[in-house]
Amino acid sequence: MRLKYKDMEGEHEVEAVVTTAHASSSYGIPAIVLADGTVVSTMAWYFFQFEVVEATEEEYYLLQQAI
């Protein structure tokens, strides 16, 4: 899926996956993992104003659980 976020340097677009097959996933709650391996916490999701640019229905479903 594709996400975008904002920081002090501007707006960025990144590839990401939302998965339960990652060490940061706990008790079946999915983790959002960027292409560089960074895990996006719920706090970071809101702080950096992440938005979904493109995702499948399954990814949207998992995102609802992750955030």
Protein backbone atom coordinates (compact mmCIF):
# COMPACT_ATOMS: atom_id res chain seq x y z
CA MET A 1 0.00 0.00 0.00
CA ARG A 2 1.05 3.61 -0.34
CA LEU A 3 0.95 6.13 2.49
CA LYS A 4 1.83 9.79 2.79
CA TYR A 5 2.89 11.73 5.86
CA LYS A 6 4.13 15.16 6.85
CA ASP A 7 7.21 16.17 8.79
CA MET A 8 9.35 19.29 9.14
CA GLU A 9 10.86 18.69 5.69
CA GLY A 10 7.50 18.49 3.92
CA GLU A 11 5.20 15.78 2.65
CA HIS A 12 6.46 12.31 1.76
CA GLU A 13 4.95 9.27 0.07
CA VAL A 14 6.11 5.78 1.10
CA GLU A 15 5.40 2.11 0.50
CA ALA A 16 4.18 0.15 3.52
CA VAL A 17 2.60 -3.12 4.58
CA VAL A 18 0.16 -3.83 7.36
CA THR A 19 0.71 -7.31 8.74
CA THR A 20 0.37 -9.62 11.70
CA ALA A 21 3.55 -11.47 10.60
CA HIS A 22 5.95 -8.98 12.23
CA ALA A 23 7.59 -8.95 15.65
CA SER A 24 5.79 -5.67 16.45
CA SER A 25 2.41 -7.29 15.91
CA SER A 26 0.97 -8.37 19.23
CA TYR A 27 -2.06 -10.53 20.08
CA GLY A 28 -3.19 -10.46 16.45
CA ILE A 29 -3.13 -6.67 16.19
CA PRO A 30 -1.46 -5.75 12.89
CA ALA A 31 1.66 -3.60 12.63
CA ILE A 32 2.23 -0.93 9.98
CA VAL A 33 5.72 -1.37 8.55
CA LEU A 34 7.32 1.06 6.10
CA ALA A 35 9.55 -0.14 3.25
CA ASP A 36 12.69 0.74 5.24
CA GLY A 37 11.54 -1.47 8.15
CA THR A 38 10.31 1.34 10.39
CA VAL A 39 7.20 0.43 12.38
CA VAL A 40 4.56 3.16 12.58
CA SER A 41 3.02 3.41 16.04
CA THR A 42 -0.47 4.75 16.63
CA MET A 43 1.06 7.90 18.12
CA ALA A 44 3.30 8.39 15.05
CA TRP A 45 0.31 7.79 12.73
CA TYR A 46 -1.47 10.83 14.18
CA PHE A 47 1.60 12.98 14.91
CA PHE A 48 2.92 12.72 11.33
CA GLN A 49 -0.61 12.91 9.86
CA PHE A 50 -0.33 9.69 7.88
CA GLU A 51 -2.91 9.19 5.14
CA VAL A 52 -3.66 6.24 2.89
CA VAL A 53 -2.94 6.97 -0.76
CA GLU A 54 -3.63 3.48 -2.11
CA ALA A 55 -4.63 0.23 -0.40
CA THR A 56 -6.58 -2.94 -1.00
CA GLU A 57 -9.78 -3.75 0.90
CA GLU A 58 -7.84 -6.25 3.03
CA GLU A 59 -5.22 -3.61 3.90
CA TYR A 60 -7.96 -1.15 4.89
CA TYR A 61 -9.49 -3.81 7.13
CA LEU A 62 -6.16 -4.48 8.84
CA LEU A 63 -5.47 -0.75 9.19
CA GLN A 64 -8.71 -0.31 11.12
CA GLN A 65 -7.39 -2.84 13.63
CA ALA A 66 -3.88 -1.38 13.75
CA ILE A 67 -4.80 2.23 14.46
